[in-house]
Each structure stands twice: as structure tokens, then as C-alpha cells.
């Protein structure tokens, strides 16, 4: 069964890429706000890992709560998280699998030599055995929510 497409607004996508570039050669991380399969904002969070930010990221409980508060302030929902993979593919690691929750989208940006390249999104299976890649569509600056909704209807996504 194919997963529905995650639609990411252009400003959110640019924010993820910028954060990855700024954090390089370390991993960055952040929260994704929106509704259902639409990401309207990327919210940078501090990488609080003690294991070495070059290969790991950690979102502290206090930062998670701050992200939830920000989503409420925006009238949105916390729909997922993003992080970068410096000089590695935009595919989830075993560490990512061990620390994910099934309800969220997990966007990964590969940052090669300081340049953000591939951007992918993943959903954890309910049995936590693996991730499935979900398609991404980037919403251009000129599109509005109605156009995005019409595109979803045309493609059979709800």
C-alpha cells in the first residue's frame, strides 16, 4: 500500500535545508508543524545529544514540549520531525528506527560537504520493524492551500 504524499511548503523546506547547512558538519534537528499531510512550518530545535552531534541528534523533553506549545500558538499540529545526515544518505539509520514513533513524519536532509541535497520523508511502521519512504511534494511560493487540496483530490490523496 502506497503512502500518501507529504506536501511541504517552500518556506518550511528552505528552513530545513538552511538549518542543515548551518549545523554542518553536525546533525541538526527540528519539528514540523501543519495538518495531516501538509507541513506549513519547520521549527529548529537544539541538538542536545551527548553522544556527539556529528552522528546523533536528541530532542530533549523540554524542547519537545516547546514544539508542542509553538504548534498550538500557530493553530497547527506537531506532524513530525526533521534532522540532517552530514555526508550520508537521507535514509534512516538504526538509531533513527530505535527512537521513532509511528504517528510522525520523519524528514531527513542529506548535507554533503555543507550543501543540503536529497530530502526524504519516512513513516515508521506500526510494528516498529522498519520505515517506509513516503513521497514528498514541494509547494511553491505561489500555491495556496486550496490548490494543494485540489492536487490531493486529483491524485486520490486525502
C-alpha atoms as a PDB file:
ATOM      1  CA  UNK A   1       0.000   0.000   0.000  1.00  0.00           C
ATOM      2  CA  UNK A   2       1.475   3.327  -1.090  1.00  0.00           C
ATOM      3  CA  UNK A   3       1.737   6.073   1.459  1.00  0.00           C
ATOM      4  CA  UNK A   4       0.092   9.440   0.741  1.00  0.00           C
ATOM      5  CA  UNK A   5       2.305  12.308  -0.357  1.00  0.00           C
ATOM      6  CA  UNK A   6       3.721  14.646   2.287  1.00  0.00           C
ATOM      7  CA  UNK A   7       3.340  18.210   0.986  1.00  0.00           C
ATOM      8  CA  UNK A   8       5.964  20.619   2.327  1.00  0.00           C
ATOM      9  CA  UNK A   9       5.572  24.366   1.881  1.00  0.00           C
ATOM     10  CA  UNK A  10       8.541  26.064   0.248  1.00  0.00           C
ATOM     11  CA  UNK A  11       9.429  28.146   3.337  1.00  0.00           C
ATOM     12  CA  UNK A  12       9.484  25.031   5.520  1.00  0.00           C
ATOM     13  CA  UNK A  13      11.653  23.148   3.016  1.00  0.00           C
ATOM     14  CA  UNK A  14      14.083  26.077   2.777  1.00  0.00           C
ATOM     15  CA  UNK A  15      14.215  26.250   6.584  1.00  0.00           C
ATOM     16  CA  UNK A  16      15.143  22.553   6.843  1.00  0.00           C
ATOM     17  CA  UNK A  17      17.884  22.923   4.226  1.00  0.00           C
ATOM     18  CA  UNK A  18      19.224  26.143   5.793  1.00  0.00           C
ATOM     19  CA  UNK A  19      19.348  24.530   9.254  1.00  0.00           C
ATOM     20  CA  UNK A  20      21.216  21.528   7.823  1.00  0.00           C
ATOM     21  CA  UNK A  21      23.758  23.838   6.135  1.00  0.00           C
ATOM     22  CA  UNK A  22      24.235  25.944   9.289  1.00  0.00           C
ATOM     23  CA  UNK A  23      24.693  22.918  11.573  1.00  0.00           C
ATOM     24  CA  UNK A  24      27.109  21.105   9.242  1.00  0.00           C
ATOM     25  CA  UNK A  25      29.229  19.087   9.994  1.00  0.00           C
ATOM     26  CA  UNK A  26      26.865  18.242  12.862  1.00  0.00           C
ATOM     27  CA  UNK A  27      23.329  16.923  12.708  1.00  0.00           C
ATOM     28  CA  UNK A  28      20.533  19.424  13.086  1.00  0.00           C
ATOM     29  CA  UNK A  29      17.008  18.638  14.211  1.00  0.00           C
ATOM     30  CA  UNK A  30      13.643  20.301  14.391  1.00  0.00           C
ATOM     31  CA  UNK A  31       9.875  19.921  14.497  1.00  0.00           C
ATOM     32  CA  UNK A  32       7.373  20.009  11.641  1.00  0.00           C
ATOM     33  CA  UNK A  33       4.033  21.781  12.034  1.00  0.00           C
ATOM     34  CA  UNK A  34       0.936  21.542   9.874  1.00  0.00           C
ATOM     35  CA  UNK A  35      -2.127  19.352   9.456  1.00  0.00           C
ATOM     36  CA  UNK A  36      -2.453  15.821   8.122  1.00  0.00           C
ATOM     37  CA  UNK A  37      -0.032  15.551   5.173  1.00  0.00           C
ATOM     38  CA  UNK A  38       0.740  19.293   4.852  1.00  0.00           C
ATOM     39  CA  UNK A  39       3.851  20.755   6.517  1.00  0.00           C
ATOM     40  CA  UNK A  40       3.484  24.505   6.931  1.00  0.00           C
ATOM     41  CA  UNK A  41       6.499  25.278   9.134  1.00  0.00           C
ATOM     42  CA  UNK A  42       9.836  23.823  10.179  1.00  0.00           C
ATOM     43  CA  UNK A  43      10.850  24.801  13.718  1.00  0.00           C
ATOM     44  CA  UNK A  44      14.554  24.439  14.585  1.00  0.00           C
ATOM     45  CA  UNK A  45      15.344  22.685  17.859  1.00  0.00           C
ATOM     46  CA  UNK A  46      18.690  22.379  19.631  1.00  0.00           C
ATOM     47  CA  UNK A  47      20.556  19.116  19.146  1.00  0.00           C
ATOM     48  CA  UNK A  48      21.007  18.069  22.773  1.00  0.00           C
ATOM     49  CA  UNK A  49      22.868  14.810  22.204  1.00  0.00           C
ATOM     50  CA  UNK A  50      25.750  13.902  24.453  1.00  0.00           C
ATOM     51  CA  UNK A  51      26.891  11.193  22.017  1.00  0.00           C
ATOM     52  CA  UNK A  52      28.484  13.543  19.507  1.00  0.00           C
ATOM     53  CA  UNK A  53      26.388  15.757  17.249  1.00  0.00           C
ATOM     54  CA  UNK A  54      28.324  14.640  14.169  1.00  0.00           C
ATOM     55  CA  UNK A  55      26.391  11.353  14.130  1.00  0.00           C
ATOM     56  CA  UNK A  56      23.447  11.740  16.504  1.00  0.00           C
ATOM     57  CA  UNK A  57      20.668  14.079  17.490  1.00  0.00           C
ATOM     58  CA  UNK A  58      18.493  14.235  20.559  1.00  0.00           C
ATOM     59  CA  UNK A  59      15.366  16.278  21.244  1.00  0.00           C
ATOM     60  CA  UNK A  60      15.067  16.936  24.976  1.00  0.00           C
ATOM     61  CA  UNK A  61      11.610  16.581  26.582  1.00  0.00           C
ATOM     62  CA  UNK A  62      11.574  20.332  27.337  1.00  0.00           C
ATOM     63  CA  UNK A  63      12.247  21.096  23.658  1.00  0.00           C
ATOM     64  CA  UNK A  64       9.509  18.664  22.616  1.00  0.00           C
ATOM     65  CA  UNK A  65       7.084  20.494  24.913  1.00  0.00           C
ATOM     66  CA  UNK A  66       8.229  23.843  23.451  1.00  0.00           C
ATOM     67  CA  UNK A  67       7.498  22.488  19.963  1.00  0.00           C
ATOM     68  CA  UNK A  68       4.019  21.394  21.048  1.00  0.00           C
ATOM     69  CA  UNK A  69       3.357  24.857  22.524  1.00  0.00           C
ATOM     70  CA  UNK A  70       4.552  26.517  19.294  1.00  0.00           C
ATOM     71  CA  UNK A  71       2.221  24.321  17.232  1.00  0.00           C
ATOM     72  CA  UNK A  72      -0.721  25.334  19.421  1.00  0.00           C
ATOM     73  CA  UNK A  73       0.242  29.020  19.094  1.00  0.00           C
ATOM     74  CA  UNK A  74       0.179  28.624  15.307  1.00  0.00           C
ATOM     75  CA  UNK A  75      -3.130  26.759  15.368  1.00  0.00           C
ATOM     76  CA  UNK A  76      -1.344  23.770  13.852  1.00  0.00           C
ATOM     77  CA  UNK A  77      -0.354  20.268  14.924  1.00  0.00           C
ATOM     78  CA  UNK A  78       3.023  18.676  15.502  1.00  0.00           C
ATOM     79  CA  UNK A  79       3.141  16.388  12.447  1.00  0.00           C
ATOM     80  CA  UNK A  80       6.745  15.222  12.549  1.00  0.00           C
ATOM     81  CA  UNK A  81      10.410  15.932  12.935  1.00  0.00           C
ATOM     82  CA  UNK A  82      13.361  16.553  10.671  1.00  0.00           C
ATOM     83  CA  UNK A  83      17.083  16.060  11.009  1.00  0.00           C
ATOM     84  CA  UNK A  84      20.157  16.071   8.827  1.00  0.00           C
ATOM     85  CA  UNK A  85      22.628  13.393   7.843  1.00  0.00           C
ATOM     86  CA  UNK A  86      26.007  15.085   7.292  1.00  0.00           C
ATOM     87  CA  UNK A  87      27.876  13.387   4.439  1.00  0.00           C
ATOM     88  CA  UNK A  88      25.481  10.423   4.498  1.00  0.00           C
ATOM     89  CA  UNK A  89      22.384   9.466   2.508  1.00  0.00           C
ATOM     90  CA  UNK A  90      18.937  10.763   3.502  1.00  0.00           C
ATOM     91  CA  UNK A  91      17.928   7.318   4.747  1.00  0.00           C
ATOM     92  CA  UNK A  92      17.056   6.457   8.351  1.00  0.00           C
ATOM     93  CA  UNK A  93      19.707   4.813  10.475  1.00  0.00           C
ATOM     94  CA  UNK A  94      19.209   2.070  13.032  1.00  0.00           C
ATOM     95  CA  UNK A  95      19.392   4.798  15.694  1.00  0.00           C
ATOM     96  CA  UNK A  96      16.567   6.660  13.911  1.00  0.00           C
ATOM     97  CA  UNK A  97      14.491   3.467  13.879  1.00  0.00           C
ATOM     98  CA  UNK A  98      15.077   2.828  17.574  1.00  0.00           C
ATOM     99  CA  UNK A  99      13.950   6.348  18.560  1.00  0.00           C
ATOM    100  CA  UNK A 100      10.968   6.977  16.257  1.00  0.00           C
ATOM    101  CA  UNK A 101       7.222   6.947  16.916  1.00  0.00           C
ATOM    102  CA  UNK A 102       4.681   5.623  14.380  1.00  0.00           C
ATOM    103  CA  UNK A 103       2.488   8.738  14.277  1.00  0.00           C
ATOM    104  CA  UNK A 104       5.050  11.197  12.861  1.00  0.00           C
ATOM    105  CA  UNK A 105       6.662  12.022   9.540  1.00  0.00           C
ATOM    106  CA  UNK A 106      10.466  11.914   9.704  1.00  0.00           C
ATOM    107  CA  UNK A 107      12.135  14.150   7.137  1.00  0.00           C
ATOM    108  CA  UNK A 108      15.854  13.676   6.561  1.00  0.00           C
ATOM    109  CA  UNK A 109      18.067  16.030   4.581  1.00  0.00           C
ATOM    110  CA  UNK A 110      21.433  14.787   3.362  1.00  0.00           C
ATOM    111  CA  UNK A 111      24.087  17.503   3.695  1.00  0.00           C
ATOM    112  CA  UNK A 112      27.173  16.783   1.594  1.00  0.00           C
ATOM    113  CA  UNK A 113      30.168  18.998   2.228  1.00  0.00           C
ATOM    114  CA  UNK A 114      27.898  21.650   3.738  1.00  0.00           C
ATOM    115  CA  UNK A 115      25.459  21.591   0.803  1.00  0.00           C
ATOM    116  CA  UNK A 116      21.945  20.249   1.514  1.00  0.00           C
ATOM    117  CA  UNK A 117      20.985  17.842  -1.268  1.00  0.00           C
ATOM    118  CA  UNK A 118      18.479  14.978  -1.009  1.00  0.00           C
ATOM    119  CA  UNK A 119      15.351  15.432   1.120  1.00  0.00           C
ATOM    120  CA  UNK A 120      13.282  12.364   2.015  1.00  0.00           C
ATOM    121  CA  UNK A 121      10.405  11.538   4.359  1.00  0.00           C
ATOM    122  CA  UNK A 122       9.765   8.331   6.263  1.00  0.00           C
ATOM    123  CA  UNK A 123       6.962   6.764   8.314  1.00  0.00           C
ATOM    124  CA  UNK A 124       7.594   4.168  10.992  1.00  0.00           C
ATOM    125  CA  UNK A 125       5.530   1.029  10.583  1.00  0.00           C
ATOM    126  CA  UNK A 126       3.105   0.376  13.430  1.00  0.00           C
ATOM    127  CA  UNK A 127       5.022  -2.753  14.414  1.00  0.00           C
ATOM    128  CA  UNK A 128       8.211  -0.585  14.604  1.00  0.00           C
ATOM    129  CA  UNK A 129      10.077  -3.051  12.359  1.00  0.00           C
ATOM    130  CA  UNK A 130      11.126  -0.559   9.664  1.00  0.00           C
ATOM    131  CA  UNK A 131      10.457   2.755   7.976  1.00  0.00           C
ATOM    132  CA  UNK A 132       8.576   3.210   4.711  1.00  0.00           C
ATOM    133  CA  UNK A 133       9.528   6.102   2.472  1.00  0.00           C
ATOM    134  CA  UNK A 134       6.668   8.445   1.684  1.00  0.00           C
ATOM    135  CA  UNK A 135       6.585  10.646  -1.412  1.00  0.00           C
ATOM    136  CA  UNK A 136       7.220  14.380  -0.969  1.00  0.00           C
ATOM    137  CA  UNK A 137       5.708  17.236  -2.955  1.00  0.00           C
ATOM    138  CA  UNK A 138       7.073  20.723  -2.515  1.00  0.00           C
ATOM    139  CA  UNK A 139       4.504  23.502  -2.560  1.00  0.00           C
ATOM    140  CA  UNK A 140       5.824  26.532  -4.426  1.00  0.00           C
ATOM    141  CA  UNK A 141       5.555  30.056  -3.022  1.00  0.00           C
ATOM    142  CA  UNK A 142       2.604  30.870  -5.288  1.00  0.00           C
ATOM    143  CA  UNK A 143       0.410  27.928  -4.335  1.00  0.00           C
ATOM    144  CA  UNK A 144      -2.230  28.233  -1.680  1.00  0.00           C
ATOM    145  CA  UNK A 145      -3.983  25.656   0.454  1.00  0.00           C
ATOM    146  CA  UNK A 146      -6.907  25.365  -1.969  1.00  0.00           C
ATOM    147  CA  UNK A 147      -4.552  24.454  -4.826  1.00  0.00           C
ATOM    148  CA  UNK A 148      -2.805  21.932  -2.593  1.00  0.00           C
ATOM    149  CA  UNK A 149      -6.152  20.389  -1.615  1.00  0.00           C
ATOM    150  CA  UNK A 150      -7.209  20.227  -5.282  1.00  0.00           C
ATOM    151  CA  UNK A 151      -3.929  18.466  -6.126  1.00  0.00           C
ATOM    152  CA  UNK A 152      -4.550  15.944  -3.340  1.00  0.00           C
ATOM    153  CA  UNK A 153      -8.040  15.239  -4.650  1.00  0.00           C
ATOM    154  CA  UNK A 154      -6.737  14.780  -8.209  1.00  0.00           C
ATOM    155  CA  UNK A 155      -4.162  12.256  -7.032  1.00  0.00           C
ATOM    156  CA  UNK A 156      -6.579  10.413  -4.763  1.00  0.00           C
ATOM    157  CA  UNK A 157      -4.876  11.522  -1.542  1.00  0.00           C
ATOM    158  CA  UNK A 158      -6.998  12.516   1.423  1.00  0.00           C
END
